[in-house]
Amino acid sequence: MADSDRPQIYLITPPEIDLEVFPDRLARVLDATEIACLRLSMAGKDEDRIARTADALREVAHARDVALVIEDHVLMVERLGLDGVHLTDGARLVRKLRKDLGPDAILGTFCGHTRHEGINAAEAGADYVAFGPVGETGLGDGSRAEADLFAWWSEMIEVPVVAEGALTSALVAELSGITDFLAVGEEIWREADAAAALKALLAPLD
């Protein structure tokens, strides 16, 4: 359950990853800010490329005791020695995958801004539920996960909640007491110095 403690930081990779440079960029971010979990969220369906990327990022993450989960590609979790999977389609597969992956794997899911979907996922065995986007974005239909959803969840539901999507420093300040995790991705990777960008984004927590 969220409380007044500082939320943990959940890092999301960019959709396009250059293995010549990204592992070093990632290492600098992980060394500069304490990160609880890393999500591999790649565009495309090139199995070999995704696997090679997962291998490289697992090395960087596990050397720093950071869990690595992969978005949607459930079959890769055990094969690549990853810590779990992040689903993007709500509660639909959570109960089945909890049985398939066992109790130790991290199993999280994105539930948009739908409280009912989040509750279903939590009851089905999800380790966390993510809601978003929390900020303004030109993508999707413009719907947002508002602060009152996180406030209600943190008061009523034990399963940890993640706030993600178009975070700003103002939203970090607003959500800091009512979410367990802040998920950060494109907000920092589009900047030349991602580690400094993350520090600036999270400044309201200090």
Protein backbone atom coordinates (compact mmCIF):
# COMPACT_ATOMS: atom_id res chain seq x y z
CA MET A 1 0.00 0.00 0.00
CA ALA A 2 1.32 3.46 -0.84
CA ASP A 3 2.15 5.76 2.05
CA SER A 4 4.04 8.98 2.59
CA ASP A 5 7.36 7.26 1.89
CA ARG A 6 9.23 8.09 -1.28
CA PRO A 7 7.90 5.97 -4.16
CA GLN A 8 10.32 3.56 -5.78
CA ILE A 9 11.46 4.18 -9.33
CA TYR A 10 10.55 1.76 -12.11
CA LEU A 11 12.52 2.32 -15.31
CA ILE A 12 11.18 1.55 -18.80
CA THR A 13 13.53 1.16 -21.76
CA PRO A 14 13.01 3.13 -24.98
CA PRO A 15 11.30 1.20 -27.80
CA GLU A 16 14.41 1.36 -30.02
CA ILE A 17 17.70 0.21 -28.48
CA ASP A 18 21.19 0.48 -29.94
CA LEU A 19 23.24 -2.21 -28.20
CA GLU A 20 26.44 -0.32 -29.05
CA VAL A 21 25.53 2.54 -26.71
CA PHE A 22 22.43 1.84 -24.64
CA PRO A 23 23.89 -0.56 -22.02
CA ASP A 24 26.37 2.16 -20.99
CA ARG A 25 23.60 4.79 -20.87
CA LEU A 26 21.52 2.44 -18.75
CA ALA A 27 24.43 1.73 -16.41
CA ARG A 28 24.93 5.46 -15.81
CA VAL A 29 21.26 5.88 -14.89
CA LEU A 30 21.26 2.85 -12.58
CA ASP A 31 24.43 4.10 -10.88
CA ALA A 32 23.04 7.60 -10.37
CA THR A 33 19.54 6.80 -9.03
CA GLU A 34 18.22 3.83 -7.07
CA ILE A 35 16.00 1.85 -9.42
CA ALA A 36 13.69 -0.93 -8.20
CA CYS A 37 12.84 -2.57 -11.51
CA LEU A 38 13.66 -2.29 -15.22
CA ARG A 39 11.13 -3.10 -17.96
CA LEU A 40 12.32 -4.12 -21.41
CA SER A 41 9.74 -2.53 -23.70
CA MET A 42 10.90 -2.93 -27.30
CA ALA A 43 9.13 -2.16 -30.53
CA GLY A 44 9.03 -4.86 -33.18
CA LYS A 45 8.91 -8.65 -33.04
CA ASP A 46 12.41 -9.70 -34.03
CA GLU A 47 12.91 -12.54 -31.55
CA ASP A 48 16.69 -12.69 -31.92
CA ARG A 49 17.08 -8.95 -31.47
CA ILE A 50 14.84 -8.89 -28.40
CA ALA A 51 16.71 -11.84 -26.89
CA ARG A 52 20.12 -10.26 -27.48
CA THR A 53 18.91 -7.01 -25.95
CA ALA A 54 17.46 -8.81 -22.94
CA ASP A 55 20.76 -10.64 -22.40
CA ALA A 56 22.73 -7.39 -22.48
CA LEU A 57 20.38 -5.51 -20.19
CA ARG A 58 20.09 -8.42 -17.75
CA GLU A 59 23.85 -8.25 -17.26
CA VAL A 60 23.73 -4.53 -16.48
CA ALA A 61 20.64 -4.75 -14.27
CA HIS A 62 21.52 -7.86 -12.26
CA ALA A 63 25.02 -6.56 -11.57
CA ARG A 64 23.25 -3.77 -9.67
CA ASP A 65 20.55 -5.94 -8.06
CA VAL A 66 17.84 -4.46 -10.28
CA ALA A 67 15.04 -6.80 -11.40
CA LEU A 68 14.43 -7.06 -15.16
CA VAL A 69 10.98 -7.80 -16.55
CA ILE A 70 10.02 -8.05 -20.21
CA GLU A 71 6.91 -6.62 -21.79
CA ASP A 72 4.44 -9.31 -22.95
CA HIS A 73 6.97 -11.93 -24.17
CA VAL A 74 6.14 -14.50 -21.51
CA LEU A 75 8.06 -17.37 -23.15
CA MET A 76 11.32 -15.45 -22.85
CA VAL A 77 11.18 -15.03 -19.08
CA GLU A 78 12.50 -18.44 -18.05
CA ARG A 79 14.59 -18.98 -21.17
CA LEU A 80 16.57 -15.75 -20.70
CA GLY A 81 16.74 -15.77 -16.91
CA LEU A 82 14.55 -12.71 -16.48
CA ASP A 83 12.68 -11.83 -13.32
CA GLY A 84 9.18 -11.62 -14.75
CA VAL A 85 6.79 -10.15 -17.27
CA HIS A 86 4.79 -6.96 -17.66
CA LEU A 87 1.49 -7.43 -19.47
CA THR A 88 -0.10 -4.63 -21.47
CA ASP A 89 -3.65 -5.98 -21.68
CA GLY A 90 -4.99 -5.72 -18.15
CA ALA A 91 -6.28 -8.67 -16.15
CA ARG A 92 -7.06 -11.07 -18.97
CA LEU A 93 -4.07 -13.44 -18.66
CA VAL A 94 -2.94 -12.79 -15.12
CA ARG A 95 -4.50 -15.84 -13.43
CA LYS A 96 -3.19 -18.28 -16.07
CA LEU A 97 0.30 -16.79 -16.14
CA ARG A 98 0.56 -16.76 -12.37
CA LYS A 99 0.12 -20.54 -12.50
CA ASP A 100 2.52 -20.92 -15.44
CA LEU A 101 5.30 -18.72 -14.07
CA GLY A 102 4.96 -19.72 -10.43
CA PRO A 103 4.87 -17.59 -7.30
CA ASP A 104 8.38 -16.16 -7.52
CA ALA A 105 8.20 -14.47 -10.92
CA ILE A 106 7.26 -10.79 -11.04
CA LEU A 107 3.90 -10.43 -12.80
CA GLY A 108 2.60 -6.94 -13.41
CA THR A 109 0.02 -5.51 -15.75
CA PHE A 110 -1.07 -2.22 -17.27
CA CYS A 111 -4.74 -1.39 -16.72
CA GLY A 112 -5.06 2.02 -18.34
CA HIS A 113 -7.27 4.18 -16.14
CA THR A 114 -9.82 1.49 -15.26
CA ARG A 115 -10.25 0.79 -11.57
CA HIS A 116 -12.33 -2.34 -12.24
CA GLU A 117 -9.65 -3.85 -14.50
CA GLY A 118 -7.02 -3.12 -11.87
CA ILE A 119 -9.03 -4.83 -9.13
CA ASN A 120 -9.51 -7.89 -11.34
CA ALA A 121 -5.76 -8.06 -12.00
CA ALA A 122 -4.94 -7.72 -8.32
CA GLU A 123 -7.40 -10.46 -7.38
CA ALA A 124 -5.99 -12.72 -10.12
CA GLY A 125 -2.49 -12.58 -8.64
CA ALA A 126 -0.68 -9.58 -10.13
CA ASP A 127 2.30 -8.32 -8.13
CA TYR A 128 1.56 -4.77 -9.20
CA VAL A 129 -0.96 -2.85 -11.27
CA ALA A 130 0.07 0.09 -13.48
CA PHE A 131 -2.24 2.95 -14.43
CA GLY A 132 -1.62 5.67 -16.98
CA PRO A 133 -0.93 7.81 -18.73
CA VAL A 134 -0.86 10.22 -15.85
CA GLY A 135 0.22 13.18 -17.97
CA GLU A 136 -0.89 14.91 -21.15
CA THR A 137 -0.01 12.98 -24.30
CA GLY A 138 -1.01 13.19 -27.93
CA LEU A 139 -1.26 9.41 -28.12
CA GLY A 140 -4.31 7.23 -27.48
CA ASP A 141 -7.71 8.81 -26.87
CA GLY A 142 -6.55 11.47 -24.42
CA SER A 143 -7.82 9.64 -21.34
CA ARG A 144 -5.67 9.95 -18.22
CA ALA A 145 -5.28 8.12 -14.93
CA GLU A 146 -6.09 10.87 -12.47
CA ALA A 147 -4.63 11.37 -9.01
CA ASP A 148 -7.88 10.35 -7.31
CA LEU A 149 -7.54 6.84 -8.78
CA PHE A 150 -4.14 6.45 -7.11
CA ALA A 151 -5.40 7.97 -3.86
CA TRP A 152 -8.31 5.52 -3.75
CA TRP A 153 -6.10 2.55 -4.66
CA SER A 154 -3.45 3.36 -2.07
CA GLU A 155 -6.12 3.53 0.61
CA MET A 156 -8.17 0.48 -0.38
CA ILE A 157 -5.91 -2.05 -2.15
CA GLU A 158 -2.80 -3.81 -0.85
CA VAL A 159 -1.29 -4.66 -4.25
CA PRO A 160 1.32 -2.03 -5.22
CA VAL A 161 0.36 0.55 -7.82
CA VAL A 162 2.53 2.08 -10.55
CA ALA A 163 1.98 5.53 -12.09
CA GLU A 164 3.30 5.85 -15.64
CA GLY A 165 3.06 7.83 -18.83
CA ALA A 166 4.07 11.45 -19.55
CA LEU A 167 5.34 12.18 -16.05
CA THR A 168 6.41 15.71 -15.19
CA SER A 169 8.02 17.08 -12.03
CA ALA A 170 4.64 18.54 -11.04
CA LEU A 171 3.02 15.10 -11.37
CA VAL A 172 5.88 13.51 -9.43
CA ALA A 173 5.11 15.91 -6.58
CA GLU A 174 1.35 15.30 -6.83
CA LEU A 175 1.58 11.51 -6.92
CA SER A 176 4.49 10.91 -4.57
CA GLY A 177 2.37 10.14 -1.51
CA ILE A 178 -0.25 8.02 -3.27
CA THR A 179 1.70 5.65 -5.51
CA ASP A 180 4.18 2.90 -4.74
CA PHE A 181 6.16 3.28 -7.98
CA LEU A 182 6.78 5.99 -10.54
CA ALA A 183 7.55 4.51 -13.95
CA VAL A 184 9.87 6.59 -16.11
CA GLY A 185 10.89 5.94 -19.71
CA GLU A 186 10.74 8.26 -22.70
CA GLU A 187 10.69 11.23 -20.33
CA ILE A 188 14.45 10.76 -19.82
CA TRP A 189 15.70 8.74 -22.82
CA ARG A 190 14.95 11.57 -25.24
CA GLU A 191 17.47 13.73 -23.36
CA ALA A 192 21.21 13.58 -24.07
CA ASP A 193 22.03 12.97 -20.39
CA ALA A 194 19.37 10.54 -19.18
CA ALA A 195 20.82 10.27 -15.68
CA ALA A 196 20.66 14.04 -15.17
CA ALA A 197 17.17 14.15 -16.70
CA LEU A 198 15.95 11.57 -14.21
CA LYS A 199 17.46 13.50 -11.31
CA ALA A 200 15.70 16.66 -12.48
CA LEU A 201 12.36 14.88 -12.97
CA LEU A 202 12.51 13.40 -9.48
CA ALA A 203 13.71 16.60 -7.78
CA PRO A 204 10.37 17.10 -5.93
CA LEU A 205 11.05 13.87 -3.99
CA ASP A 206 14.22 15.25 -2.38
